[in-house]
Amino acid sequence: MVIQLQNPTLPIGGMNDSLKGRGAQFNPKNKFLAGAYVQAYAEAIDEWEVEKRETEYIYDNSQTLVNKVTSPDVGMQFSVNPYQGCEHGCVYCYARNTHEYWGYSAGVDFESRIVVKKNAAALLKKCLEAKAWVPATLSFSGNTDCYQPMERKMRLTRTMLEICLDFRNPVSILTKNALVLRDLDILQEMQKLNLVTVTTSITSLDENLRQKMEPRTSTYASRLKVIETLSAAGIHTGVMNAPIVPGLNDAHMHDVLKAASEAGAKWAGYTVVRLNGAVGDIFKDWLLKAYPDRAEKVWNLIGDCHDGQVNDSRFGNRIIGDGKIAAVIKDQFQVYCKKFGLNEEKVQLNTADFRRVRNNQLMLF
């Protein structure tokens, strides 16, 4: 099967202008904006307004922060995301579609127009103070990475961790940024009360693949160092080998899980890539440019994992896929986990010591 873009548009700046340091190479039309326009043909007579590629930060006074997760197959109760959009630029990211709700494109906009919820800490504190709040694990980075580069300046995640420690409310963190080690002091205090887990996302150990597929993330070596450092500090830590893109990194699972286990990871998880909404065309365009020699094969393998489609929304199936290829991936994951001693015990975080603190003097943004 020959793959073609459903809604072909050129990369920002023209077909020959590669966007270095970006995952997406163009801005697909936002389905919610009827008046949006894109450059469809290189030979157009009119001059095209080239958008700035510098990252822009949009400061937002949000009304809510803690979101209840109703999906039965994601393994979390509540998600917390102080940033919308993500500078990491992972081309496969399912969260790209959510950027359209903010009026932006799921493409280059997602990784260069970052919405910063500057009042995130105050909103979290308000939620935990409420009588209606029943202590439960808060998942940091349920949508976008809470340790993306802007966190170095804003420190929203750090302040939220301080609040959770003060209230004794447990937190699970998922990240692919070594910046998490900045907060090792807080994480160690939370660990003493069994209030935190940290899972590091590692897609492969091939740096060439990372630079193309996850251009602004920490190196794989740095992520393994995160696991090693957290483990040495006694913090519950694991690895997420996700997403698996058959034909690109499925053969790397053995080495990833082995290296993570040796670094001190105690559990592992994985997902099979799915390309819903605008992510399909974004990934397809990237695949044709980054790996033209195997693009058609990889695309067909992804389809084989989702009943012939790449945009799978079926609960359960969307996470690990189905069919022969998905079964092979699942089998090898189970074999490797057993071989490397992963997932032998389940961590249960502490909610019994939760306390409401109404007059604490934490510095809130």
Protein backbone atom coordinates (compact mmCIF):
# COMPACT_ATOMS: atom_id res chain seq x y z
CA MET A 1 0.00 0.00 0.00
CA VAL A 2 1.40 3.39 -1.00
CA ILE A 3 0.93 5.95 1.77
CA GLN A 4 -0.28 9.45 0.97
CA LEU A 5 -1.24 12.44 3.10
CA GLN A 6 -5.00 12.89 3.45
CA ASN A 7 -4.63 16.67 3.74
CA PRO A 8 -1.26 17.49 2.16
CA THR A 9 0.30 20.74 3.27
CA LEU A 10 3.85 21.98 3.00
CA PRO A 11 6.26 22.36 5.88
CA ILE A 12 6.44 25.89 7.23
CA GLY A 13 8.81 27.78 4.97
CA GLY A 14 8.51 25.39 2.02
CA MET A 15 9.13 21.76 1.15
CA ASN A 16 12.91 22.12 1.11
CA ASP A 17 13.13 23.95 4.42
CA SER A 18 13.56 21.26 7.06
CA LEU A 19 12.62 22.33 10.56
CA LYS A 20 15.63 21.24 12.58
CA GLY A 21 14.90 20.54 16.21
CA ARG A 22 11.20 20.00 15.52
CA GLY A 23 9.29 16.75 15.30
CA ALA A 24 6.37 17.98 13.19
CA GLN A 25 7.43 19.58 9.93
CA PHE A 26 4.23 21.49 9.20
CA ASN A 27 1.03 22.82 10.72
CA PRO A 28 -2.04 20.82 9.66
CA LYS A 29 -5.30 22.73 9.65
CA ASN A 30 -7.11 22.97 12.97
CA LYS A 31 -10.41 21.16 12.46
CA PHE A 32 -12.15 23.63 14.78
CA LEU A 33 -11.08 26.71 12.79
CA ALA A 34 -13.04 27.04 9.58
CA GLY A 35 -11.10 30.12 8.53
CA ALA A 36 -7.63 28.66 8.92
CA TYR A 37 -5.40 28.56 5.88
CA VAL A 38 -2.35 26.55 4.87
CA GLN A 39 0.18 26.53 2.04
CA ALA A 40 -0.93 23.69 -0.19
CA TYR A 41 1.21 24.26 -3.31
CA ALA A 42 4.83 25.37 -3.63
CA GLU A 43 4.13 27.07 -6.97
CA ALA A 44 1.56 29.46 -5.52
CA ILE A 45 1.95 32.99 -6.88
CA ASP A 46 1.17 34.84 -3.68
CA GLU A 47 3.95 35.24 -1.17
CA TRP A 48 3.57 32.98 1.85
CA GLU A 49 3.88 34.40 5.31
CA VAL A 50 6.50 32.27 7.04
CA GLU A 51 5.63 31.75 10.70
CA LYS A 52 8.22 32.30 13.37
CA ARG A 53 9.74 29.11 14.67
CA GLU A 54 10.91 30.46 18.01
CA THR A 55 9.04 28.99 20.94
CA GLU A 56 6.33 31.29 22.27
CA TYR A 57 4.84 31.03 25.76
CA ILE A 58 1.21 31.93 26.34
CA TYR A 59 0.40 32.61 29.99
CA ASP A 60 -3.07 31.47 30.97
CA ASN A 61 -5.15 31.95 34.11
CA SER A 62 -6.88 28.59 34.07
CA GLN A 63 -9.97 27.82 36.13
CA THR A 64 -9.17 24.17 36.84
CA LEU A 65 -6.09 21.96 36.95
CA VAL A 66 -6.93 18.52 38.36
CA ASN A 67 -8.76 16.44 35.77
CA LYS A 68 -10.61 13.24 36.57
CA VAL A 69 -9.63 10.47 34.15
CA THR A 70 -12.57 8.33 33.07
CA SER A 71 -10.77 6.21 30.45
CA PRO A 72 -10.63 2.65 31.86
CA ASP A 73 -7.33 1.65 30.23
CA VAL A 74 -4.80 4.33 31.18
CA GLY A 75 -4.15 3.39 34.81
CA MET A 76 -4.65 6.78 36.41
CA GLN A 77 -7.40 8.49 38.40
CA PHE A 78 -6.51 12.17 38.12
CA SER A 79 -4.12 14.01 35.81
CA VAL A 80 -2.32 17.30 36.40
CA ASN A 81 -0.79 19.25 33.51
CA PRO A 82 0.68 22.69 34.21
CA TYR A 83 1.65 23.07 30.54
CA GLN A 84 -0.32 22.53 27.34
CA GLY A 85 1.73 21.85 24.27
CA CYS A 86 5.21 20.39 24.72
CA GLU A 87 8.62 21.64 23.64
CA HIS A 88 9.96 18.10 23.46
CA GLY A 89 8.41 17.81 20.00
CA CYS A 90 7.84 14.03 19.98
CA VAL A 91 6.32 13.48 16.56
CA TYR A 92 4.00 10.66 17.67
CA CYS A 93 2.52 12.41 20.73
CA TYR A 94 -1.21 11.75 21.20
CA ALA A 95 -1.52 15.03 23.13
CA ARG A 96 -1.00 17.00 19.92
CA ASN A 97 -4.72 16.80 19.17
CA THR A 98 -5.60 18.60 22.40
CA HIS A 99 -3.77 21.70 21.19
CA GLU A 100 -6.54 22.29 18.68
CA TYR A 101 -8.91 23.08 21.55
CA TRP A 102 -6.68 26.06 22.37
CA GLY A 103 -6.99 27.37 18.82
CA TYR A 104 -3.61 26.15 17.61
CA SER A 105 -2.41 23.46 15.23
CA ALA A 106 -1.39 20.00 16.37
CA GLY A 107 1.77 20.33 14.29
CA VAL A 108 4.59 22.81 14.82
CA ASP A 109 2.28 24.94 17.00
CA PHE A 110 2.06 22.14 19.57
CA GLU A 111 5.79 22.26 20.22
CA SER A 112 6.35 26.00 19.76
CA ARG A 113 3.20 27.61 21.24
CA ILE A 114 3.26 26.51 24.88
CA VAL A 115 0.35 27.40 27.15
CA VAL A 116 1.63 27.96 30.69
CA LYS A 117 -0.92 27.67 33.49
CA LYS A 118 0.84 30.19 35.70
CA ASN A 119 -1.68 29.74 38.54
CA ALA A 120 -1.31 25.93 38.55
CA ALA A 121 0.02 25.77 42.11
CA ALA A 122 -2.80 27.89 43.51
CA LEU A 123 -5.37 25.75 41.68
CA LEU A 124 -3.84 22.56 43.06
CA LYS A 125 -3.84 23.90 46.59
CA LYS A 126 -7.47 24.95 46.24
CA CYS A 127 -8.41 21.46 45.05
CA LEU A 128 -6.67 19.70 47.93
CA GLU A 129 -8.20 22.07 50.46
CA ALA A 130 -11.73 21.34 49.29
CA LYS A 131 -13.86 19.07 51.49
CA ALA A 132 -14.94 17.20 48.37
CA TRP A 133 -11.39 16.03 47.64
CA VAL A 134 -10.82 12.39 48.53
CA PRO A 135 -7.06 11.68 48.64
CA ALA A 136 -5.92 9.88 45.50
CA THR A 137 -2.78 9.66 43.41
CA LEU A 138 -2.26 12.63 41.11
CA SER A 139 -0.59 11.76 37.81
CA PHE A 140 1.80 14.50 36.74
CA SER A 141 2.19 14.49 32.94
CA GLY A 142 -1.01 12.67 32.06
CA ASN A 143 -1.04 14.71 28.86
CA THR A 144 2.15 16.74 28.37
CA ASP A 145 5.48 16.52 30.17
CA CYS A 146 5.55 18.44 33.46
CA TYR A 147 9.36 18.69 33.20
CA GLN A 148 9.57 20.15 29.71
CA PRO A 149 12.21 22.92 29.32
CA MET A 150 9.96 25.80 30.46
CA GLU A 151 9.74 24.18 33.88
CA ARG A 152 13.34 25.18 34.52
CA LYS A 153 12.16 28.80 34.67
CA MET A 154 8.58 28.51 35.90
CA ARG A 155 9.11 25.84 38.60
CA LEU A 156 5.40 25.04 38.59
CA THR A 157 5.99 21.31 38.97
CA ARG A 158 8.38 21.81 41.86
CA THR A 159 5.92 24.04 43.69
CA MET A 160 3.11 21.54 43.12
CA LEU A 161 5.29 18.78 44.57
CA GLU A 162 5.88 20.93 47.63
CA ILE A 163 2.13 21.34 48.03
CA CYS A 164 1.50 17.61 47.67
CA LEU A 165 4.18 16.89 50.25
CA ASP A 166 2.60 19.40 52.63
CA PHE A 167 -0.85 17.83 52.17
CA ARG A 168 0.60 14.29 52.15
CA ASN A 169 -1.10 13.57 48.82
CA PRO A 170 0.60 10.94 46.60
CA VAL A 171 1.95 11.70 43.13
CA SER A 172 3.04 9.61 40.17
CA ILE A 173 5.37 11.28 37.67
CA LEU A 174 6.01 10.32 34.05
CA THR A 175 8.75 12.20 32.22
CA LYS A 176 11.46 11.99 29.60
CA ASN A 177 13.41 14.97 30.91
CA ALA A 178 16.39 14.74 33.27
CA LEU A 179 15.21 17.98 34.90
CA VAL A 180 13.29 15.77 37.33
CA LEU A 181 16.56 15.30 39.23
CA ARG A 182 16.48 18.97 40.19
CA ASP A 183 13.68 18.06 42.60
CA LEU A 184 15.44 15.09 44.15
CA ASP A 185 15.31 16.72 47.58
CA ILE A 186 11.51 16.93 47.53
CA LEU A 187 11.14 13.47 46.01
CA GLN A 188 13.23 11.97 48.81
CA GLU A 189 11.03 13.61 51.44
CA MET A 190 7.94 12.28 49.67
CA GLN A 191 9.48 8.82 49.46
CA LYS A 192 9.88 8.72 53.24
CA LEU A 193 6.07 8.86 53.43
CA ASN A 194 5.55 6.57 50.41
CA LEU A 195 4.01 9.39 48.39
CA VAL A 196 5.75 9.22 45.01
CA THR A 197 6.71 7.11 42.02
CA VAL A 198 8.73 8.28 39.01
CA THR A 199 8.55 6.55 35.64
CA THR A 200 11.04 7.53 32.95
CA SER A 201 9.98 7.20 29.32
CA ILE A 202 12.68 5.60 27.16
CA THR A 203 11.73 4.82 23.58
CA SER A 204 15.04 3.34 22.41
CA LEU A 205 18.78 3.54 23.03
CA ASP A 206 19.46 4.74 19.48
CA GLU A 207 20.36 8.44 19.70
CA ASN A 208 19.94 8.91 15.97
CA LEU A 209 16.32 7.81 16.27
CA ARG A 210 15.76 10.02 19.31
CA GLN A 211 17.08 13.11 17.56
CA LYS A 212 14.63 12.56 14.73
CA MET A 213 11.58 11.34 16.64
CA GLU A 214 11.95 13.16 19.99
CA PRO A 215 14.18 16.10 19.03
CA ARG A 216 14.14 18.19 22.22
CA THR A 217 14.11 15.50 24.87
CA SER A 218 16.94 14.47 27.18
CA THR A 219 19.33 11.91 25.75
CA TYR A 220 18.68 8.26 26.46
CA ALA A 221 21.88 8.11 28.51
CA SER A 222 20.56 10.97 30.65
CA ARG A 223 17.27 9.18 31.18
CA LEU A 224 19.03 6.03 32.32
CA LYS A 225 20.99 8.22 34.72
CA VAL A 226 17.66 9.49 36.06
CA ILE A 227 16.61 5.93 36.85
CA GLU A 228 19.98 5.15 38.42
CA THR A 229 19.97 8.28 40.58
CA LEU A 230 16.39 7.86 41.75
CA SER A 231 16.93 4.20 42.53
CA ALA A 232 20.07 4.96 44.52
CA ALA A 233 18.05 7.51 46.49
CA GLY A 234 15.48 4.84 47.35
CA ILE A 235 12.71 6.31 45.23
CA HIS A 236 10.19 4.00 43.54
CA THR A 237 11.19 4.14 39.88
CA GLY A 238 10.36 2.38 36.63
CA VAL A 239 10.55 2.69 32.86
CA MET A 240 7.95 3.23 30.14
CA ASN A 241 9.10 1.81 26.80
CA ALA A 242 6.65 3.77 24.72
CA PRO A 243 5.49 4.04 22.16
CA ILE A 244 6.58 0.97 20.27
CA VAL A 245 6.66 1.81 16.56
CA PRO A 246 6.94 -1.49 14.69
CA GLY A 247 9.70 -1.32 12.13
CA LEU A 248 11.49 1.48 14.00
CA ASN A 249 12.06 0.56 17.65
CA ASP A 250 10.27 -2.72 18.39
CA ALA A 251 13.58 -4.58 18.12
CA HIS A 252 15.08 -2.24 20.73
CA MET A 253 12.82 -3.37 23.60
CA HIS A 254 15.27 -5.97 24.92
CA ASP A 255 18.11 -3.46 25.29
CA VAL A 256 15.88 -0.76 26.80
CA LEU A 257 14.42 -3.02 29.48
CA LYS A 258 17.80 -4.57 30.23
CA ALA A 259 19.49 -1.18 30.64
CA ALA A 260 16.62 0.19 32.73
CA SER A 261 16.66 -2.83 35.02
CA GLU A 262 20.41 -2.58 35.50
CA ALA A 263 19.96 1.10 36.36
CA GLY A 264 17.48 0.19 39.08
CA ALA A 265 14.02 0.26 37.49
CA LYS A 266 11.55 -2.00 39.30
CA TRP A 267 8.70 -1.96 36.81
CA ALA A 268 8.11 -1.43 33.11
CA GLY A 269 5.27 -0.64 30.77
CA TYR A 270 4.78 -0.15 27.05
CA THR A 271 2.27 1.04 24.49
CA VAL A 272 1.95 0.51 20.75
CA VAL A 273 1.86 3.74 18.76
CA ARG A 274 -1.54 4.97 17.60
CA LEU A 275 -2.03 7.96 15.35
CA ASN A 276 -5.40 9.54 16.04
CA GLY A 277 -6.67 12.76 14.51
CA ALA A 278 -4.09 15.16 13.11
CA VAL A 279 -1.23 13.03 14.48
CA GLY A 280 -1.72 10.62 11.57
CA ASP A 281 -0.74 13.11 8.88
CA ILE A 282 1.96 14.67 11.04
CA PHE A 283 3.60 11.30 11.67
CA LYS A 284 3.14 10.17 8.08
CA ASP A 285 4.79 13.33 6.74
CA TRP A 286 7.68 12.90 9.19
CA LEU A 287 8.07 9.21 8.36
CA LEU A 288 8.32 9.89 4.62
CA LYS A 289 11.03 12.47 5.24
CA ALA A 290 13.00 10.81 8.05
CA TYR A 291 12.86 7.19 6.84
CA PRO A 292 11.83 7.18 3.16
CA ASP A 293 13.38 3.74 2.62
CA ARG A 294 11.06 2.05 5.11
CA ALA A 295 8.14 4.46 5.45
CA GLU A 296 5.61 2.27 3.66
CA LYS A 297 6.62 -0.82 5.65
CA VAL A 298 6.41 0.96 9.01
CA TRP A 299 3.04 2.50 8.14
CA ASN A 300 1.60 -0.88 7.20
CA LEU A 301 2.98 -2.49 10.38
CA ILE A 302 1.27 0.16 12.49
CA GLY A 303 -1.97 -0.60 10.67
CA ASP A 304 -1.49 -4.30 11.33
CA CYS A 305 -1.51 -3.52 15.05
CA HIS A 306 -4.87 -1.73 14.91
CA ASP A 307 -7.15 -3.82 12.74
CA GLY A 308 -5.92 -2.20 9.54
CA GLN A 309 -6.17 1.38 10.86
CA VAL A 310 -3.65 3.66 12.54
CA ASN A 311 -6.25 5.76 14.38
CA ASP A 312 -7.41 3.27 16.98
CA SER A 313 -9.73 4.50 19.77
CA ARG A 314 -10.94 1.19 21.17
CA PHE A 315 -10.36 0.95 24.92
CA GLY A 316 -7.73 -1.65 25.69
CA ASN A 317 -6.84 -2.30 22.08
CA ARG A 318 -5.64 1.26 21.52
CA ILE A 319 -2.94 0.86 24.17
CA ILE A 320 -1.27 -2.41 23.15
CA GLY A 321 -2.92 -3.08 19.80
CA ASP A 322 -4.13 -6.41 18.46
CA GLY A 323 -3.23 -8.83 15.69
CA LYS A 324 -0.07 -10.86 15.10
CA ILE A 325 2.45 -8.02 15.30
CA ALA A 326 0.96 -6.68 18.53
CA ALA A 327 0.95 -10.21 19.98
CA VAL A 328 4.65 -10.60 19.25
CA ILE A 329 5.38 -7.28 20.95
CA LYS A 330 3.33 -8.29 23.98
CA ASP A 331 5.02 -11.69 24.23
CA GLN A 332 8.52 -10.26 24.03
CA PHE A 333 7.64 -7.63 26.66
CA GLN A 334 6.52 -10.31 29.08
CA VAL A 335 9.59 -12.46 28.41
CA TYR A 336 11.98 -9.55 28.92
CA CYS A 337 10.26 -8.35 32.09
CA LYS A 338 10.59 -11.80 33.60
CA LYS A 339 14.19 -12.09 32.46
CA PHE A 340 15.18 -8.74 33.97
CA GLY A 341 13.10 -8.96 37.15
CA LEU A 342 10.64 -6.20 36.30
CA ASN A 343 7.04 -5.92 37.54
CA GLU A 344 7.57 -8.44 40.33
CA GLU A 345 5.94 -6.19 42.91
CA LYS A 346 3.24 -3.53 42.70
CA VAL A 347 3.74 -0.21 44.46
CA GLN A 348 0.78 1.06 46.47
CA LEU A 349 1.16 4.71 47.42
CA ASN A 350 0.02 6.09 50.75
CA THR A 351 -3.24 8.02 51.01
CA ALA A 352 -3.86 7.34 54.71
CA ASP A 353 -1.73 10.24 55.94
CA PHE A 354 -3.45 12.92 53.86
CA ARG A 355 -4.11 16.13 55.75
CA ARG A 356 -5.79 19.41 54.79
CA VAL A 357 -3.54 22.41 55.28
CA ARG A 358 -5.44 25.66 54.99
CA ASN A 359 -2.95 28.21 56.27
CA ASN A 360 0.36 27.02 54.90
CA GLN A 361 2.75 29.67 53.66
CA LEU A 362 3.95 28.02 50.47
CA MET A 363 5.02 30.44 47.78
CA LEU A 364 2.41 30.15 45.01
CA PHE A 365 2.71 31.55 41.52
